Every structure is written in structure tokens, then in C-alpha cells.
C-alpha atoms as a PDB file:
ATOM      1  CA  UNK A   1       0.327  -0.055   0.075  1.00  0.00           C
ATOM      2  CA  UNK A   2       1.194   3.267  -1.227  1.00  0.00           C
ATOM      3  CA  UNK A   3       1.038   6.773   1.139  1.00  0.00           C
ATOM      4  CA  UNK A   4      -1.155   9.476   0.651  1.00  0.00           C
ATOM      5  CA  UNK A   5       0.323  12.837  -0.466  1.00  0.00           C
ATOM      6  CA  UNK A   6       0.375  15.866   1.803  1.00  0.00           C
ATOM      7  CA  UNK A   7       1.910  19.047   0.372  1.00  0.00           C
ATOM      8  CA  UNK A   8       4.086  20.049   3.534  1.00  0.00           C
ATOM      9  CA  UNK A   9       6.110  24.150   3.757  1.00  0.00           C
ATOM     10  CA  UNK A  10      10.099  24.000   4.099  1.00  0.00           C
ATOM     11  CA  UNK A  11       9.249  27.676   4.924  1.00  0.00           C
ATOM     12  CA  UNK A  12       6.771  28.167   7.481  1.00  0.00           C
ATOM     13  CA  UNK A  13       3.394  30.473   6.092  1.00  0.00           C
ATOM     14  CA  UNK A  14       4.011  32.420   9.389  1.00  0.00           C
ATOM     15  CA  UNK A  15       7.331  33.201   8.583  1.00  0.00           C
ATOM     16  CA  UNK A  16       5.706  34.023   4.516  1.00  0.00           C
ATOM     17  CA  UNK A  17       3.187  35.833   6.069  1.00  0.00           C
ATOM     18  CA  UNK A  18       5.462  38.325   7.387  1.00  0.00           C
ATOM     19  CA  UNK A  19       6.381  39.576   4.145  1.00  0.00           C
ATOM     20  CA  UNK A  20       3.164  40.427   2.832  1.00  0.00           C
ATOM     21  CA  UNK A  21       3.154  43.785   0.883  1.00  0.00           C
ATOM     22  CA  UNK A  22       1.936  47.027   2.401  1.00  0.00           C
ATOM     23  CA  UNK A  23      -1.081  47.144   0.570  1.00  0.00           C
ATOM     24  CA  UNK A  24      -3.693  45.469  -0.754  1.00  0.00           C
ATOM     25  CA  UNK A  25      -4.843  43.878  -3.882  1.00  0.00           C
ATOM     26  CA  UNK A  26      -8.512  44.262  -4.687  1.00  0.00           C
ATOM     27  CA  UNK A  27     -10.153  41.447  -6.655  1.00  0.00           C
ATOM     28  CA  UNK A  28     -12.967  40.768  -9.074  1.00  0.00           C
ATOM     29  CA  UNK A  29     -15.576  41.070  -5.830  1.00  0.00           C
ATOM     30  CA  UNK A  30     -14.131  44.260  -4.311  1.00  0.00           C
ATOM     31  CA  UNK A  31     -12.794  42.261  -1.689  1.00  0.00           C
ATOM     32  CA  UNK A  32      -8.714  43.180  -0.003  1.00  0.00           C
ATOM     33  CA  UNK A  33      -6.113  40.306  -0.489  1.00  0.00           C
ATOM     34  CA  UNK A  34      -2.879  40.513   1.313  1.00  0.00           C
ATOM     35  CA  UNK A  35      -0.291  39.301  -1.459  1.00  0.00           C
ATOM     36  CA  UNK A  36       3.250  39.040  -1.914  1.00  0.00           C
ATOM     37  CA  UNK A  37       5.209  40.256  -4.407  1.00  0.00           C
ATOM     38  CA  UNK A  38       8.162  37.464  -6.269  1.00  0.00           C
ATOM     39  CA  UNK A  39      10.309  37.750  -8.324  1.00  0.00           C
ATOM     40  CA  UNK A  40      11.385  34.672 -10.995  1.00  0.00           C
ATOM     41  CA  UNK A  41      14.946  34.562 -11.917  1.00  0.00           C
ATOM     42  CA  UNK A  42      14.703  32.814 -14.910  1.00  0.00           C
ATOM     43  CA  UNK A  43      11.866  34.240 -16.309  1.00  0.00           C
ATOM     44  CA  UNK A  44      13.001  37.823 -15.029  1.00  0.00           C
ATOM     45  CA  UNK A  45       9.576  38.368 -13.548  1.00  0.00           C
ATOM     46  CA  UNK A  46       7.464  40.309 -10.767  1.00  0.00           C
ATOM     47  CA  UNK A  47       4.816  38.803 -10.082  1.00  0.00           C
ATOM     48  CA  UNK A  48       2.252  38.530  -7.199  1.00  0.00           C
ATOM     49  CA  UNK A  49       1.358  35.820  -4.503  1.00  0.00           C
ATOM     50  CA  UNK A  50      -2.117  35.107  -2.841  1.00  0.00           C
ATOM     51  CA  UNK A  51      -1.797  31.629  -1.528  1.00  0.00           C
ATOM     52  CA  UNK A  52       1.124  31.381   1.075  1.00  0.00           C
ATOM     53  CA  UNK A  53      -0.043  27.501   1.024  1.00  0.00           C
ATOM     54  CA  UNK A  54       1.000  27.408  -2.796  1.00  0.00           C
ATOM     55  CA  UNK A  55       4.983  27.989  -2.552  1.00  0.00           C
ATOM     56  CA  UNK A  56       7.636  27.017  -0.799  1.00  0.00           C
ATOM     57  CA  UNK A  57       6.591  23.363  -0.696  1.00  0.00           C
ATOM     58  CA  UNK A  58       7.768  20.256  -1.796  1.00  0.00           C
ATOM     59  CA  UNK A  59       5.505  16.366  -1.448  1.00  0.00           C
ATOM     60  CA  UNK A  60       5.450  13.751   1.482  1.00  0.00           C
ATOM     61  CA  UNK A  61       9.014  16.760   2.212  1.00  0.00           C
ATOM     62  CA  UNK A  62       8.940  15.119   5.978  1.00  0.00           C
ATOM     63  CA  UNK A  63       7.697  11.550   6.001  1.00  0.00           C
ATOM     64  CA  UNK A  64      10.362   9.038   6.979  1.00  0.00           C
ATOM     65  CA  UNK A  65       9.719   6.031   3.695  1.00  0.00           C
ATOM     66  CA  UNK A  66      10.672   2.656   3.093  1.00  0.00           C
ATOM     67  CA  UNK A  67      10.186   0.414   0.439  1.00  0.00           C
ATOM     68  CA  UNK A  68       6.923   3.765  -0.966  1.00  0.00           C
ATOM     69  CA  UNK A  69       5.553   3.467   1.950  1.00  0.00           C
ATOM     70  CA  UNK A  70       5.448   5.629   5.162  1.00  0.00           C
ATOM     71  CA  UNK A  71       7.495   3.230   8.350  1.00  0.00           C
ATOM     72  CA  UNK A  72       4.911   2.745  10.522  1.00  0.00           C
ATOM     73  CA  UNK A  73       4.205   5.192  13.030  1.00  0.00           C
ATOM     74  CA  UNK A  74       6.243   8.093  12.012  1.00  0.00           C
ATOM     75  CA  UNK A  75       3.073   8.970   9.238  1.00  0.00           C
ATOM     76  CA  UNK A  76       3.016  12.777  10.036  1.00  0.00           C
ATOM     77  CA  UNK A  77       4.596  13.271  13.367  1.00  0.00           C
ATOM     78  CA  UNK A  78       7.596  15.876  11.966  1.00  0.00           C
ATOM     79  CA  UNK A  79       4.934  18.461  10.395  1.00  0.00           C
ATOM     80  CA  UNK A  80       2.702  18.104  13.655  1.00  0.00           C
ATOM     81  CA  UNK A  81       5.772  18.507  16.246  1.00  0.00           C
ATOM     82  CA  UNK A  82       7.249  21.449  13.150  1.00  0.00           C
ATOM     83  CA  UNK A  83       3.591  23.237  13.291  1.00  0.00           C
ATOM     84  CA  UNK A  84       3.526  23.128  17.536  1.00  0.00           C
ATOM     85  CA  UNK A  85       6.798  24.760  17.109  1.00  0.00           C
ATOM     86  CA  UNK A  86       6.266  27.478  14.881  1.00  0.00           C
ATOM     87  CA  UNK A  87       2.939  28.612  17.647  1.00  0.00           C
ATOM     88  CA  UNK A  88       5.904  29.360  20.177  1.00  0.00           C
ATOM     89  CA  UNK A  89       8.765  30.531  17.383  1.00  0.00           C
ATOM     90  CA  UNK A  90       5.682  32.772  15.868  1.00  0.00           C
ATOM     91  CA  UNK A  91       4.718  34.917  19.145  1.00  0.00           C
ATOM     92  CA  UNK A  92       8.424  35.626  20.169  1.00  0.00           C
ATOM     93  CA  UNK A  93       8.876  36.863  16.477  1.00  0.00           C
ATOM     94  CA  UNK A  94       5.097  38.775  16.660  1.00  0.00           C
ATOM     95  CA  UNK A  95       7.220  40.216  19.641  1.00  0.00           C
ATOM     96  CA  UNK A  96      10.268  41.535  18.470  1.00  0.00           C
ATOM     97  CA  UNK A  97       8.539  43.176  15.447  1.00  0.00           C
ATOM     98  CA  UNK A  98       6.118  44.752  18.002  1.00  0.00           C
ATOM     99  CA  UNK A  99       9.445  46.431  19.462  1.00  0.00           C
ATOM    100  CA  UNK A 100      10.383  44.701  22.368  1.00  0.00           C
ATOM    101  CA  UNK A 101      13.426  42.987  22.767  1.00  0.00           C
ATOM    102  CA  UNK A 102      13.459  41.898  25.866  1.00  0.00           C
ATOM    103  CA  UNK A 103      13.762  38.817  25.288  1.00  0.00           C
ATOM    104  CA  UNK A 104      13.548  35.729  27.689  1.00  0.00           C
ATOM    105  CA  UNK A 105      16.711  32.701  27.939  1.00  0.00           C
ATOM    106  CA  UNK A 106      14.560  30.722  26.662  1.00  0.00           C
ATOM    107  CA  UNK A 107      13.202  32.642  24.067  1.00  0.00           C
ATOM    108  CA  UNK A 108      16.719  33.244  23.116  1.00  0.00           C
ATOM    109  CA  UNK A 109      17.388  29.661  23.182  1.00  0.00           C
ATOM    110  CA  UNK A 110      14.372  28.998  20.822  1.00  0.00           C
ATOM    111  CA  UNK A 111      15.373  31.513  18.516  1.00  0.00           C
ATOM    112  CA  UNK A 112      18.383  29.523  18.272  1.00  0.00           C
ATOM    113  CA  UNK A 113      16.343  26.256  17.871  1.00  0.00           C
ATOM    114  CA  UNK A 114      14.207  27.552  15.306  1.00  0.00           C
ATOM    115  CA  UNK A 115      17.568  28.733  13.095  1.00  0.00           C
ATOM    116  CA  UNK A 116      18.297  24.869  13.376  1.00  0.00           C
ATOM    117  CA  UNK A 117      15.354  23.486  12.621  1.00  0.00           C
ATOM    118  CA  UNK A 118      15.127  26.163   9.497  1.00  0.00           C
ATOM    119  CA  UNK A 119      18.702  25.217   8.327  1.00  0.00           C
ATOM    120  CA  UNK A 120      17.995  21.416   8.043  1.00  0.00           C
ATOM    121  CA  UNK A 121      14.293  21.205   6.513  1.00  0.00           C
ATOM    122  CA  UNK A 122      15.055  22.986   3.510  1.00  0.00           C
ATOM    123  CA  UNK A 123      15.750  20.196   0.718  1.00  0.00           C
ATOM    124  CA  UNK A 124      18.519  20.802  -0.760  1.00  0.00           C
ATOM    125  CA  UNK A 125      20.220  20.802   3.015  1.00  0.00           C
ATOM    126  CA  UNK A 126      18.035  17.413   3.638  1.00  0.00           C
ATOM    127  CA  UNK A 127      19.265  15.936   0.323  1.00  0.00           C
ATOM    128  CA  UNK A 128      23.793  16.193   0.889  1.00  0.00           C
ATOM    129  CA  UNK A 129      22.511  15.036   4.444  1.00  0.00           C
ATOM    130  CA  UNK A 130      20.928  11.922   2.509  1.00  0.00           C
ATOM    131  CA  UNK A 131      23.932  11.652   0.151  1.00  0.00           C
ATOM    132  CA  UNK A 132      26.209  11.776   3.158  1.00  0.00           C
ATOM    133  CA  UNK A 133      24.410   9.297   5.325  1.00  0.00           C
ATOM    134  CA  UNK A 134      24.484   7.083   2.223  1.00  0.00           C
ATOM    135  CA  UNK A 135      27.427   7.170   1.400  1.00  0.00           C
ATOM    136  CA  UNK A 136      29.075   6.583   4.992  1.00  0.00           C
ATOM    137  CA  UNK A 137      27.074   3.473   5.297  1.00  0.00           C
ATOM    138  CA  UNK A 138      27.919   2.428   1.853  1.00  0.00           C
ATOM    139  CA  UNK A 139      31.357   2.311   3.284  1.00  0.00           C
ATOM    140  CA  UNK A 140      30.324   0.492   6.270  1.00  0.00           C
ATOM    141  CA  UNK A 141      28.258  -1.864   4.720  1.00  0.00           C
ATOM    142  CA  UNK A 142      31.305  -3.169   2.514  1.00  0.00           C
ATOM    143  CA  UNK A 143      33.719  -3.689   4.834  1.00  0.00           C
ATOM    144  CA  UNK A 144      31.321  -5.900   6.218  1.00  0.00           C
ATOM    145  CA  UNK A 145      30.070  -7.707   2.266  1.00  0.00           C
ATOM    146  CA  UNK A 146      27.006  -6.356   2.800  1.00  0.00           C
ATOM    147  CA  UNK A 147      24.531  -4.890   0.061  1.00  0.00           C
ATOM    148  CA  UNK A 148      24.069  -1.269  -0.836  1.00  0.00           C
ATOM    149  CA  UNK A 149      21.533   0.751   1.453  1.00  0.00           C
ATOM    150  CA  UNK A 150      18.170   1.591   0.710  1.00  0.00           C
ATOM    151  CA  UNK A 151      17.782   5.239  -0.801  1.00  0.00           C
ATOM    152  CA  UNK A 152      14.488   5.616   1.032  1.00  0.00           C
ATOM    153  CA  UNK A 153      15.662   4.295   3.847  1.00  0.00           C
ATOM    154  CA  UNK A 154      18.814   6.748   3.897  1.00  0.00           C
ATOM    155  CA  UNK A 155      16.726   9.220   3.015  1.00  0.00           C
ATOM    156  CA  UNK A 156      14.078   8.425   5.966  1.00  0.00           C
ATOM    157  CA  UNK A 157      16.808   8.212   8.548  1.00  0.00           C
ATOM    158  CA  UNK A 158      18.582  11.432   7.675  1.00  0.00           C
ATOM    159  CA  UNK A 159      15.477  12.792   8.112  1.00  0.00           C
ATOM    160  CA  UNK A 160      14.777  11.300  11.652  1.00  0.00           C
ATOM    161  CA  UNK A 161      18.296  12.337  12.673  1.00  0.00           C
ATOM    162  CA  UNK A 162      17.614  16.255  11.546  1.00  0.00           C
ATOM    163  CA  UNK A 163      14.227  16.934  12.061  1.00  0.00           C
ATOM    164  CA  UNK A 164      11.979  14.251  14.443  1.00  0.00           C
ATOM    165  CA  UNK A 165      10.848  14.711  17.673  1.00  0.00           C
ATOM    166  CA  UNK A 166      12.834  13.820  20.583  1.00  0.00           C
ATOM    167  CA  UNK A 167      12.824  14.554  24.178  1.00  0.00           C
ATOM    168  CA  UNK A 168      16.724  17.176  24.220  1.00  0.00           C
ATOM    169  CA  UNK A 169      16.899  16.225  27.692  1.00  0.00           C
ATOM    170  CA  UNK A 170      17.873  12.660  27.624  1.00  0.00           C
ATOM    171  CA  UNK A 171      20.993  11.661  26.699  1.00  0.00           C
ATOM    172  CA  UNK A 172      20.952   8.972  24.629  1.00  0.00           C
ATOM    173  CA  UNK A 173      18.186  10.339  22.080  1.00  0.00           C
ATOM    174  CA  UNK A 174      20.430  13.331  22.103  1.00  0.00           C
ATOM    175  CA  UNK A 175      22.797  10.754  21.005  1.00  0.00           C
ATOM    176  CA  UNK A 176      20.754   8.811  18.278  1.00  0.00           C
ATOM    177  CA  UNK A 177      19.947  12.764  17.019  1.00  0.00           C
ATOM    178  CA  UNK A 178      23.627  14.000  16.845  1.00  0.00           C
ATOM    179  CA  UNK A 179      22.457  15.967  13.174  1.00  0.00           C
ATOM    180  CA  UNK A 180      20.354  17.539  14.759  1.00  0.00           C
ATOM    181  CA  UNK A 181      22.555  18.362  18.063  1.00  0.00           C
ATOM    182  CA  UNK A 182      25.913  19.233  16.171  1.00  0.00           C
ATOM    183  CA  UNK A 183      24.135  22.156  13.963  1.00  0.00           C
ATOM    184  CA  UNK A 184      22.537  24.047  16.696  1.00  0.00           C
ATOM    185  CA  UNK A 185      25.276  23.123  18.780  1.00  0.00           C
ATOM    186  CA  UNK A 186      27.543  24.873  16.114  1.00  0.00           C
ATOM    187  CA  UNK A 187      25.187  27.712  15.642  1.00  0.00           C
ATOM    188  CA  UNK A 188      24.966  27.883  19.919  1.00  0.00           C
ATOM    189  CA  UNK A 189      28.964  29.368  19.968  1.00  0.00           C
ATOM    190  CA  UNK A 190      27.177  32.309  17.752  1.00  0.00           C
ATOM    191  CA  UNK A 191      26.583  35.969  19.151  1.00  0.00           C
ATOM    192  CA  UNK A 192      22.074  36.863  18.683  1.00  0.00           C
ATOM    193  CA  UNK A 193      21.544  39.865  16.993  1.00  0.00           C
ATOM    194  CA  UNK A 194      18.445  41.060  15.893  1.00  0.00           C
ATOM    195  CA  UNK A 195      18.621  43.515  12.762  1.00  0.00           C
ATOM    196  CA  UNK A 196      15.747  46.068  12.363  1.00  0.00           C
ATOM    197  CA  UNK A 197      16.091  47.189   8.845  1.00  0.00           C
ATOM    198  CA  UNK A 198      14.873  50.304   7.558  1.00  0.00           C
ATOM    199  CA  UNK A 199      15.225  48.761   3.709  1.00  0.00           C
ATOM    200  CA  UNK A 200      12.976  45.297   3.154  1.00  0.00           C
ATOM    201  CA  UNK A 201      14.206  42.181   3.038  1.00  0.00           C
ATOM    202  CA  UNK A 202      14.356  39.523   0.662  1.00  0.00           C
ATOM    203  CA  UNK A 203      13.719  36.341   1.518  1.00  0.00           C
ATOM    204  CA  UNK A 204      15.334  33.818  -1.088  1.00  0.00           C
ATOM    205  CA  UNK A 205      12.962  30.479  -1.173  1.00  0.00           C
ATOM    206  CA  UNK A 206      15.365  28.319  -1.833  1.00  0.00           C
ATOM    207  CA  UNK A 207      18.016  29.572   0.504  1.00  0.00           C
ATOM    208  CA  UNK A 208      16.975  32.106   3.199  1.00  0.00           C
ATOM    209  CA  UNK A 209      19.913  32.110   4.724  1.00  0.00           C
ATOM    210  CA  UNK A 210      23.024  34.470   4.543  1.00  0.00           C
ATOM    211  CA  UNK A 211      25.445  32.598   5.315  1.00  0.00           C
ATOM    212  CA  UNK A 212      28.619  35.474   4.782  1.00  0.00           C
ATOM    213  CA  UNK A 213      26.711  38.537   5.715  1.00  0.00           C
ATOM    214  CA  UNK A 214      28.947  41.344   7.591  1.00  0.00           C
ATOM    215  CA  UNK A 215      27.254  42.921  10.134  1.00  0.00           C
ATOM    216  CA  UNK A 216      28.419  47.007   9.842  1.00  0.00           C
ATOM    217  CA  UNK A 217      31.317  45.859  12.967  1.00  0.00           C
ATOM    218  CA  UNK A 218      32.766  44.014  10.650  1.00  0.00           C
ATOM    219  CA  UNK A 219      32.522  40.718  11.765  1.00  0.00           C
ATOM    220  CA  UNK A 220      30.702  37.835   9.508  1.00  0.00           C
ATOM    221  CA  UNK A 221      28.224  35.287  10.381  1.00  0.00           C
ATOM    222  CA  UNK A 222      24.487  33.986   9.630  1.00  0.00           C
ATOM    223  CA  UNK A 223      21.890  35.799   8.242  1.00  0.00           C
ATOM    224  CA  UNK A 224      18.008  34.660   7.985  1.00  0.00           C
ATOM    225  CA  UNK A 225      15.419  37.220   7.620  1.00  0.00           C
ATOM    226  CA  UNK A 226      11.552  36.607   8.952  1.00  0.00           C
ATOM    227  CA  UNK A 227      10.136  39.439   8.341  1.00  0.00           C
ATOM    228  CA  UNK A 228      10.000  42.537   5.745  1.00  0.00           C
ATOM    229  CA  UNK A 229      11.510  44.285   7.923  1.00  0.00           C
ATOM    230  CA  UNK A 230      13.811  42.374  10.925  1.00  0.00           C
ATOM    231  CA  UNK A 231      16.673  39.713  10.221  1.00  0.00           C
ATOM    232  CA  UNK A 232      18.384  37.343  12.687  1.00  0.00           C
ATOM    233  CA  UNK A 233      21.833  37.243  13.182  1.00  0.00           C
ATOM    234  CA  UNK A 234      24.146  34.791  14.464  1.00  0.00           C
ATOM    235  CA  UNK A 235      27.588  36.860  14.751  1.00  0.00           C
ATOM    236  CA  UNK A 236      31.075  34.634  14.445  1.00  0.00           C
ATOM    237  CA  UNK A 237      32.823  35.155  17.552  1.00  0.00           C
ATOM    238  CA  UNK A 238      36.368  33.774  18.724  1.00  0.00           C
ATOM    239  CA  UNK A 239      34.944  30.394  19.967  1.00  0.00           C
ATOM    240  CA  UNK A 240      33.076  29.727  15.877  1.00  0.00           C
ATOM    241  CA  UNK A 241      35.957  30.351  14.278  1.00  0.00           C
END
């Protein structure tokens, strides 16, 4: 039996909506509709997007699949987990956009958590992680004269390591989810700055991170715009160089 098709977002709608145009378009019924301006680099064309659910998505992106079936007990678990996290992150971003930068330790930790998840949920990153895991396991299998690993199983293993929910206070579970742990700990070495710009940030749907961004102080780091006027900047320090 196959699995049902779901369209799952790699950039959450709670981020996309923060890039709505300031004005509104009017449809044929004279109702106000919010929209995004989008630019197609290949066609060199600018156009409006009215339905956020139709963009920045892939079919069954987060499903753990094995032999054309979803692995039993995992159906939709990652998407449900991400939805709960997005509610927490959205409240923090709302707070920042309302001008309140007095963030608690938990809120700051949640921002680091957001950046980690957002990196790992991008399709190209997931594809790269699957490739690396496949090659590593192939080496081990070859040493034991075993068959090659199934590509779907490698894909599921990569998603489990990076995105599947787990208890971060459980040392055994942390070892199982080493991919997330490694990225999170590397990002945690960087200093967090919230940048407020008078200009409008542009969000690249395929790769929304600016990895070589350099601040006014001359320090490099990772920039992620989470709205038209605000961005997260994780700045390199002595420990992260």
C-alpha cells in the first residue's frame, strides 16, 4: 500500500506572511486580499502571490519512507511537531516586530532552535544530508560485504536525525539525533543580534540564509530575514571561528 500525498512547507507560512506587501490588491468581488511580491529569476518577471499554502512546499517532504510506504508510527509526526514549534516561534517574532527586544533566556534559546530547524528542513540540505549518510553507510556495508543501502531508508534516517521530535534532556535520544545536536551546538557558539532595517529584506525561497553576511562592525555570520524589516543575525565570535 502506498502513502497519501501531503504538501509540506520548508519555509513556514508564519514566516511567509511577514513579507506581505504593505498595500492590498482587490479581487473581482472588491474584497481585500493580502499578497506577496515574488520574483522569478529565470523568467525575469515579478508577480503577486495570494496563496501562501501554494509556495515553498514539497510533496511528502517530511515523511519517513521505506519501500514506498511511510514507516509505521511516523506518519505526519514531523509536520505536527514543527507546527507546535512554529506557534512558539511566531509569538517571539510577533513580540520583536512589536518593538519588544527584551527577550528571555528561553526565547533566545528558541530562536537558536528555530534557525537550526530552518536550516535542516530545507530540501537541498536534506538532500545533502541523505547523500552523506548514504556514502557513510555504504562504506560500512562494504567493509562487511553487505548490499547497498536503500535510498529511501537513507532519506528517512537523515530526516529522523535532523527533524524527528525527541526529548533533548535524554542523553540517549540526543545521541540518536546527532545531526540536529551538532548543528544546534555549532550555532549556539555564535552571538545573537536582531537586526531592524529601514530597507526591506528579500527572502530567497530556496536558500533564505545569507551565510557570509558581514555586519557594520565587520564581523561575519549567518543572517536570516524573518520579516520585511527584521532579521536574525548569528555573529561569529572567537569560539565559532
